[in-house]
Amino acid sequence: MSIVIVYHSGYGHTKIVAEHIQKGALERSADAKLVSTLEAQANFEILHEADALVFGTPTYMGTVSAEFKKFMEATGAFWYQQKWKDKLAAGFTNSSTLNGDKLNTIQQLALFAAQHSMLWISLGILPKFENDIQLDEPNGLASYLGLMTLSDNAHHQVNTPKDMHTAELFGKRIAELVNEKINLKK
């Protein structure tokens, strides 16, 4: 089983989220790799061979980063062959504001996966409440389509974004679903 987490990280925050998703996946899977969008474009074969692809990008101006968009467009060279058909897919984004139109970014990632005929994995983690007060984690931003995280806007010093526990839970969920899909094929 292999999971490839394809990400672009402008300042380092999104890479940290990717690392936490990988950490969670590795608890349930023998193989979860981080691949930047530039590395992916240099060797798409790594992605073609994976059982699941997890797409990650910061949200810039309400959408995926320009570097992630370049990666998306580069897949047009083999899109018509549907090389990723029925492969599992998931997505995540990070920005420095509570909303920042992160949902639009996740929707773009899900649509991109659908164009490749992939099967989308939702976050699958409900927000937690104690005494009718919503807690910061898990899923403190109450996202359902994919993982959304929040970081400060520091460029000179990269601090760990909030909700890394949810990122690890998401990684575990992805790996568990990949395992189930592989077991069904046997």
C-alpha atoms as a PDB file:
ATOM      1  CA  MET A   1       0.000   0.000   0.000  1.00  0.00           C
ATOM      2  CA  SER A   2       1.309   3.437  -0.793  1.00  0.00           C
ATOM      3  CA  ILE A   3       0.055   6.911  -0.093  1.00  0.00           C
ATOM      4  CA  VAL A   4       1.675   9.905  -1.752  1.00  0.00           C
ATOM      5  CA  ILE A   5       1.089  13.328  -0.237  1.00  0.00           C
ATOM      6  CA  VAL A   6       1.620  15.892  -3.002  1.00  0.00           C
ATOM      7  CA  TYR A   7       1.960  19.404  -1.637  1.00  0.00           C
ATOM      8  CA  HIS A   8       3.117  22.934  -2.312  1.00  0.00           C
ATOM      9  CA  SER A   9       4.245  24.990   0.676  1.00  0.00           C
ATOM     10  CA  GLY A  10       5.096  28.627   0.100  1.00  0.00           C
ATOM     11  CA  TYR A  11       6.495  29.409   3.550  1.00  0.00           C
ATOM     12  CA  GLY A  12       6.662  25.976   5.204  1.00  0.00           C
ATOM     13  CA  HIS A  13       3.311  25.839   7.011  1.00  0.00           C
ATOM     14  CA  THR A  14       1.634  23.496   4.514  1.00  0.00           C
ATOM     15  CA  LYS A  15       4.635  21.156   4.576  1.00  0.00           C
ATOM     16  CA  ILE A  16       4.247  20.841   8.356  1.00  0.00           C
ATOM     17  CA  VAL A  17       0.603  19.834   7.870  1.00  0.00           C
ATOM     18  CA  ALA A  18       1.693  17.297   5.223  1.00  0.00           C
ATOM     19  CA  GLU A  19       4.227  15.833   7.672  1.00  0.00           C
ATOM     20  CA  HIS A  20       1.515  15.364  10.309  1.00  0.00           C
ATOM     21  CA  ILE A  21      -0.807  13.659   7.815  1.00  0.00           C
ATOM     22  CA  GLN A  22       2.115  11.400   6.897  1.00  0.00           C
ATOM     23  CA  LYS A  23       2.750  10.657  10.591  1.00  0.00           C
ATOM     24  CA  GLY A  24      -0.861   9.544  11.051  1.00  0.00           C
ATOM     25  CA  ALA A  25      -0.811   7.472   7.862  1.00  0.00           C
ATOM     26  CA  LEU A  26       2.406   5.739   8.876  1.00  0.00           C
ATOM     27  CA  GLU A  27       0.679   4.473  12.027  1.00  0.00           C
ATOM     28  CA  ARG A  28      -1.611   2.445   9.743  1.00  0.00           C
ATOM     29  CA  SER A  29       0.489   2.062   6.593  1.00  0.00           C
ATOM     30  CA  ALA A  30       3.947   0.892   5.635  1.00  0.00           C
ATOM     31  CA  ASP A  31       4.412   3.519   2.949  1.00  0.00           C
ATOM     32  CA  ALA A  32       3.437   7.191   3.003  1.00  0.00           C
ATOM     33  CA  LYS A  33       5.653   9.617   1.078  1.00  0.00           C
ATOM     34  CA  LEU A  34       5.848  13.380   0.893  1.00  0.00           C
ATOM     35  CA  VAL A  35       6.384  14.727  -2.625  1.00  0.00           C
ATOM     36  CA  SER A  36       6.475  18.404  -3.514  1.00  0.00           C
ATOM     37  CA  THR A  37       4.618  19.519  -6.619  1.00  0.00           C
ATOM     38  CA  LEU A  38       7.953  20.110  -8.354  1.00  0.00           C
ATOM     39  CA  GLU A  39       9.153  16.583  -7.514  1.00  0.00           C
ATOM     40  CA  ALA A  40       5.833  15.158  -8.700  1.00  0.00           C
ATOM     41  CA  GLN A  41       6.062  16.932 -12.038  1.00  0.00           C
ATOM     42  CA  ALA A  42       9.573  15.555 -12.507  1.00  0.00           C
ATOM     43  CA  ASN A  43       8.390  11.966 -11.893  1.00  0.00           C
ATOM     44  CA  PHE A  44       4.660  11.388 -12.297  1.00  0.00           C
ATOM     45  CA  GLU A  45       5.293   7.625 -12.180  1.00  0.00           C
ATOM     46  CA  ILE A  46       5.465   7.820  -8.358  1.00  0.00           C
ATOM     47  CA  LEU A  47       1.897   9.130  -8.380  1.00  0.00           C
ATOM     48  CA  HIS A  48       0.673   6.643 -10.998  1.00  0.00           C
ATOM     49  CA  GLU A  49       1.864   3.732  -8.812  1.00  0.00           C
ATOM     50  CA  ALA A  50       0.331   5.005  -5.546  1.00  0.00           C
ATOM     51  CA  ASP A  51      -2.893   3.636  -4.083  1.00  0.00           C
ATOM     52  CA  ALA A  52      -3.922   7.070  -2.792  1.00  0.00           C
ATOM     53  CA  LEU A  53      -2.969  10.664  -3.482  1.00  0.00           C
ATOM     54  CA  VAL A  54      -3.404  13.406  -0.901  1.00  0.00           C
ATOM     55  CA  PHE A  55      -3.279  16.923  -2.327  1.00  0.00           C
ATOM     56  CA  GLY A  56      -2.144  19.858  -0.179  1.00  0.00           C
ATOM     57  CA  THR A  57      -1.795  23.544  -0.921  1.00  0.00           C
ATOM     58  CA  PRO A  58      -1.947  26.812   0.932  1.00  0.00           C
ATOM     59  CA  THR A  59      -4.967  28.953   0.221  1.00  0.00           C
ATOM     60  CA  TYR A  60      -3.764  32.125  -1.485  1.00  0.00           C
ATOM     61  CA  MET A  61      -6.335  34.720  -2.473  1.00  0.00           C
ATOM     62  CA  GLY A  62      -9.160  32.214  -1.974  1.00  0.00           C
ATOM     63  CA  THR A  63      -7.770  29.412  -4.127  1.00  0.00           C
ATOM     64  CA  VAL A  64      -4.902  26.953  -4.626  1.00  0.00           C
ATOM     65  CA  SER A  65      -1.413  28.417  -4.940  1.00  0.00           C
ATOM     66  CA  ALA A  66      -0.063  29.149  -8.418  1.00  0.00           C
ATOM     67  CA  GLU A  67       2.558  26.407  -7.976  1.00  0.00           C
ATOM     68  CA  PHE A  68      -0.137  23.850  -7.134  1.00  0.00           C
ATOM     69  CA  LYS A  69      -2.174  25.002 -10.112  1.00  0.00           C
ATOM     70  CA  LYS A  70       0.867  24.387 -12.366  1.00  0.00           C
ATOM     71  CA  PHE A  71       0.994  20.826 -11.021  1.00  0.00           C
ATOM     72  CA  MET A  72      -2.736  20.369 -11.698  1.00  0.00           C
ATOM     73  CA  GLU A  73      -2.383  21.613 -15.253  1.00  0.00           C
ATOM     74  CA  ALA A  74       0.645  19.392 -15.897  1.00  0.00           C
ATOM     75  CA  THR A  75      -1.543  16.317 -15.255  1.00  0.00           C
ATOM     76  CA  GLY A  76      -3.504  17.192 -18.389  1.00  0.00           C
ATOM     77  CA  ALA A  77      -0.817  15.367 -20.355  1.00  0.00           C
ATOM     78  CA  PHE A  78      -2.205  12.032 -19.117  1.00  0.00           C
ATOM     79  CA  TRP A  79      -5.682  13.007 -17.879  1.00  0.00           C
ATOM     80  CA  TYR A  80      -7.400  11.597 -20.969  1.00  0.00           C
ATOM     81  CA  GLN A  81      -5.825   8.200 -20.218  1.00  0.00           C
ATOM     82  CA  GLN A  82      -7.475   8.256 -16.751  1.00  0.00           C
ATOM     83  CA  LYS A  83      -4.358   6.812 -15.086  1.00  0.00           C
ATOM     84  CA  TRP A  84      -5.710   7.759 -11.653  1.00  0.00           C
ATOM     85  CA  LYS A  85      -9.223   6.321 -12.173  1.00  0.00           C
ATOM     86  CA  ASP A  86     -10.614   4.777  -8.956  1.00  0.00           C
ATOM     87  CA  LYS A  87      -7.495   5.768  -7.008  1.00  0.00           C
ATOM     88  CA  LEU A  88      -8.338   7.232  -3.588  1.00  0.00           C
ATOM     89  CA  ALA A  89      -7.837  10.981  -3.126  1.00  0.00           C
ATOM     90  CA  ALA A  90      -8.033  13.487  -0.281  1.00  0.00           C
ATOM     91  CA  GLY A  91      -7.053  17.097   0.237  1.00  0.00           C
ATOM     92  CA  PHE A  92      -5.967  19.727   2.707  1.00  0.00           C
ATOM     93  CA  THR A  93      -5.210  23.422   2.854  1.00  0.00           C
ATOM     94  CA  ASN A  94      -3.756  25.942   5.262  1.00  0.00           C
ATOM     95  CA  SER A  95      -4.112  29.695   5.580  1.00  0.00           C
ATOM     96  CA  SER A  96      -3.594  32.418   8.143  1.00  0.00           C
ATOM     97  CA  THR A  97      -7.244  33.306   8.694  1.00  0.00           C
ATOM     98  CA  LEU A  98     -10.190  31.364  10.090  1.00  0.00           C
ATOM     99  CA  ASN A  99     -11.966  31.336   6.756  1.00  0.00           C
ATOM    100  CA  GLY A 100      -9.815  32.800   4.022  1.00  0.00           C
ATOM    101  CA  ASP A 101     -12.039  30.931   1.560  1.00  0.00           C
ATOM    102  CA  LYS A 102     -10.327  27.620   2.363  1.00  0.00           C
ATOM    103  CA  LEU A 103     -13.516  25.762   1.380  1.00  0.00           C
ATOM    104  CA  ASN A 104     -13.081  26.981  -2.188  1.00  0.00           C
ATOM    105  CA  THR A 105      -9.571  25.505  -2.214  1.00  0.00           C
ATOM    106  CA  ILE A 106     -10.795  22.130  -0.919  1.00  0.00           C
ATOM    107  CA  GLN A 107     -13.581  22.160  -3.513  1.00  0.00           C
ATOM    108  CA  GLN A 108     -11.010  22.807  -6.244  1.00  0.00           C
ATOM    109  CA  LEU A 109      -8.951  19.840  -5.042  1.00  0.00           C
ATOM    110  CA  ALA A 110     -12.027  17.585  -4.959  1.00  0.00           C
ATOM    111  CA  LEU A 111     -13.045  18.694  -8.460  1.00  0.00           C
ATOM    112  CA  PHE A 112      -9.491  18.076  -9.703  1.00  0.00           C
ATOM    113  CA  ALA A 113      -9.672  14.535  -8.265  1.00  0.00           C
ATOM    114  CA  ALA A 114     -13.098  14.021  -9.859  1.00  0.00           C
ATOM    115  CA  GLN A 115     -11.738  15.047 -13.266  1.00  0.00           C
ATOM    116  CA  HIS A 116      -9.226  12.222 -12.882  1.00  0.00           C
ATOM    117  CA  SER A 117     -12.108   9.879 -11.857  1.00  0.00           C
ATOM    118  CA  MET A 118     -10.669   9.449  -8.379  1.00  0.00           C
ATOM    119  CA  LEU A 119     -12.645   8.511  -5.252  1.00  0.00           C
ATOM    120  CA  TRP A 120     -12.670  11.374  -2.706  1.00  0.00           C
ATOM    121  CA  ILE A 121     -12.103  10.779   1.024  1.00  0.00           C
ATOM    122  CA  SER A 122     -13.828  13.299   3.269  1.00  0.00           C
ATOM    123  CA  LEU A 123     -12.316  14.394   6.578  1.00  0.00           C
ATOM    124  CA  GLY A 124     -14.700  12.109   8.493  1.00  0.00           C
ATOM    125  CA  ILE A 125     -13.962  13.759  11.847  1.00  0.00           C
ATOM    126  CA  LEU A 126     -16.681  15.595  13.738  1.00  0.00           C
ATOM    127  CA  PRO A 127     -15.862  18.628  15.870  1.00  0.00           C
ATOM    128  CA  LYS A 128     -15.746  17.824  19.582  1.00  0.00           C
ATOM    129  CA  PHE A 129     -17.860  19.594  22.184  1.00  0.00           C
ATOM    130  CA  GLU A 130     -17.663  19.716  25.978  1.00  0.00           C
ATOM    131  CA  ASN A 131     -20.552  21.270  27.879  1.00  0.00           C
ATOM    132  CA  ASP A 132     -21.908  22.699  24.604  1.00  0.00           C
ATOM    133  CA  ILE A 133     -18.608  24.486  23.870  1.00  0.00           C
ATOM    134  CA  GLN A 134     -16.732  23.533  20.723  1.00  0.00           C
ATOM    135  CA  LEU A 135     -13.108  22.577  21.368  1.00  0.00           C
ATOM    136  CA  ASP A 136     -10.142  23.618  19.226  1.00  0.00           C
ATOM    137  CA  GLU A 137      -9.418  20.007  18.230  1.00  0.00           C
ATOM    138  CA  PRO A 138     -10.237  17.716  16.614  1.00  0.00           C
ATOM    139  CA  ASN A 139     -11.633  19.508  13.575  1.00  0.00           C
ATOM    140  CA  GLY A 140     -11.822  22.866  15.302  1.00  0.00           C
ATOM    141  CA  LEU A 141     -12.510  24.624  11.999  1.00  0.00           C
ATOM    142  CA  ALA A 142     -15.489  22.298  11.364  1.00  0.00           C
ATOM    143  CA  SER A 143     -14.448  21.228   7.883  1.00  0.00           C
ATOM    144  CA  TYR A 144     -15.933  18.115   6.300  1.00  0.00           C
ATOM    145  CA  LEU A 145     -14.831  17.913   2.658  1.00  0.00           C
ATOM    146  CA  GLY A 146     -11.129  17.982   3.550  1.00  0.00           C
ATOM    147  CA  LEU A 147      -8.676  19.148   6.191  1.00  0.00           C
ATOM    148  CA  MET A 148      -8.391  22.866   6.892  1.00  0.00           C
ATOM    149  CA  THR A 149      -5.702  24.213   9.206  1.00  0.00           C
ATOM    150  CA  LEU A 150      -4.839  27.636  10.543  1.00  0.00           C
ATOM    151  CA  SER A 151      -1.387  29.176  10.866  1.00  0.00           C
ATOM    152  CA  ASP A 152      -0.049  32.562  11.779  1.00  0.00           C
ATOM    153  CA  ASN A 153       1.075  34.832   9.002  1.00  0.00           C
ATOM    154  CA  ALA A 154       4.770  34.716   9.943  1.00  0.00           C
ATOM    155  CA  HIS A 155       7.147  34.352   7.031  1.00  0.00           C
ATOM    156  CA  HIS A 156      10.354  34.973   8.956  1.00  0.00           C
ATOM    157  CA  GLN A 157       9.600  32.240  11.503  1.00  0.00           C
ATOM    158  CA  VAL A 158       7.446  29.258  10.617  1.00  0.00           C
ATOM    159  CA  ASN A 159       5.310  28.137  13.544  1.00  0.00           C
ATOM    160  CA  THR A 160       3.345  24.908  13.614  1.00  0.00           C
ATOM    161  CA  PRO A 161      -0.217  25.472  12.380  1.00  0.00           C
ATOM    162  CA  LYS A 162      -3.141  24.664  14.676  1.00  0.00           C
ATOM    163  CA  ASP A 163      -5.075  21.388  14.448  1.00  0.00           C
ATOM    164  CA  MET A 164      -2.164  18.990  13.884  1.00  0.00           C
ATOM    165  CA  HIS A 165      -3.978  16.338  15.923  1.00  0.00           C
ATOM    166  CA  THR A 166      -6.721  16.438  13.292  1.00  0.00           C
ATOM    167  CA  ALA A 167      -4.071  16.166  10.535  1.00  0.00           C
ATOM    168  CA  GLU A 168      -2.765  12.958  12.133  1.00  0.00           C
ATOM    169  CA  LEU A 169      -6.283  11.550  12.518  1.00  0.00           C
ATOM    170  CA  PHE A 170      -6.912  12.353   8.849  1.00  0.00           C
ATOM    171  CA  GLY A 171      -3.742  10.507   7.865  1.00  0.00           C
ATOM    172  CA  LYS A 172      -4.893   7.458   9.834  1.00  0.00           C
ATOM    173  CA  ARG A 173      -8.325   7.598   8.171  1.00  0.00           C
ATOM    174  CA  ILE A 174      -6.794   7.746   4.707  1.00  0.00           C
ATOM    175  CA  ALA A 175      -4.504   4.783   5.423  1.00  0.00           C
ATOM    176  CA  GLU A 176      -7.381   2.742   6.886  1.00  0.00           C
ATOM    177  CA  LEU A 177      -9.518   3.350   3.794  1.00  0.00           C
ATOM    178  CA  VAL A 178      -6.632   2.434   1.501  1.00  0.00           C
ATOM    179  CA  ASN A 179      -6.177  -0.795   3.492  1.00  0.00           C
ATOM    180  CA  GLU A 180      -9.897  -1.581   3.159  1.00  0.00           C
ATOM    181  CA  LYS A 181      -9.830  -0.969  -0.593  1.00  0.00           C
ATOM    182  CA  ILE A 182      -6.799  -3.211  -1.034  1.00  0.00           C
ATOM    183  CA  ASN A 183      -8.369  -5.972   1.078  1.00  0.00           C
ATOM    184  CA  LEU A 184     -11.541  -5.836  -1.036  1.00  0.00           C
ATOM    185  CA  LYS A 185      -9.467  -6.504  -4.150  1.00  0.00           C
ATOM    186  CA  LYS A 186      -8.026  -9.721  -2.685  1.00  0.00           C
END
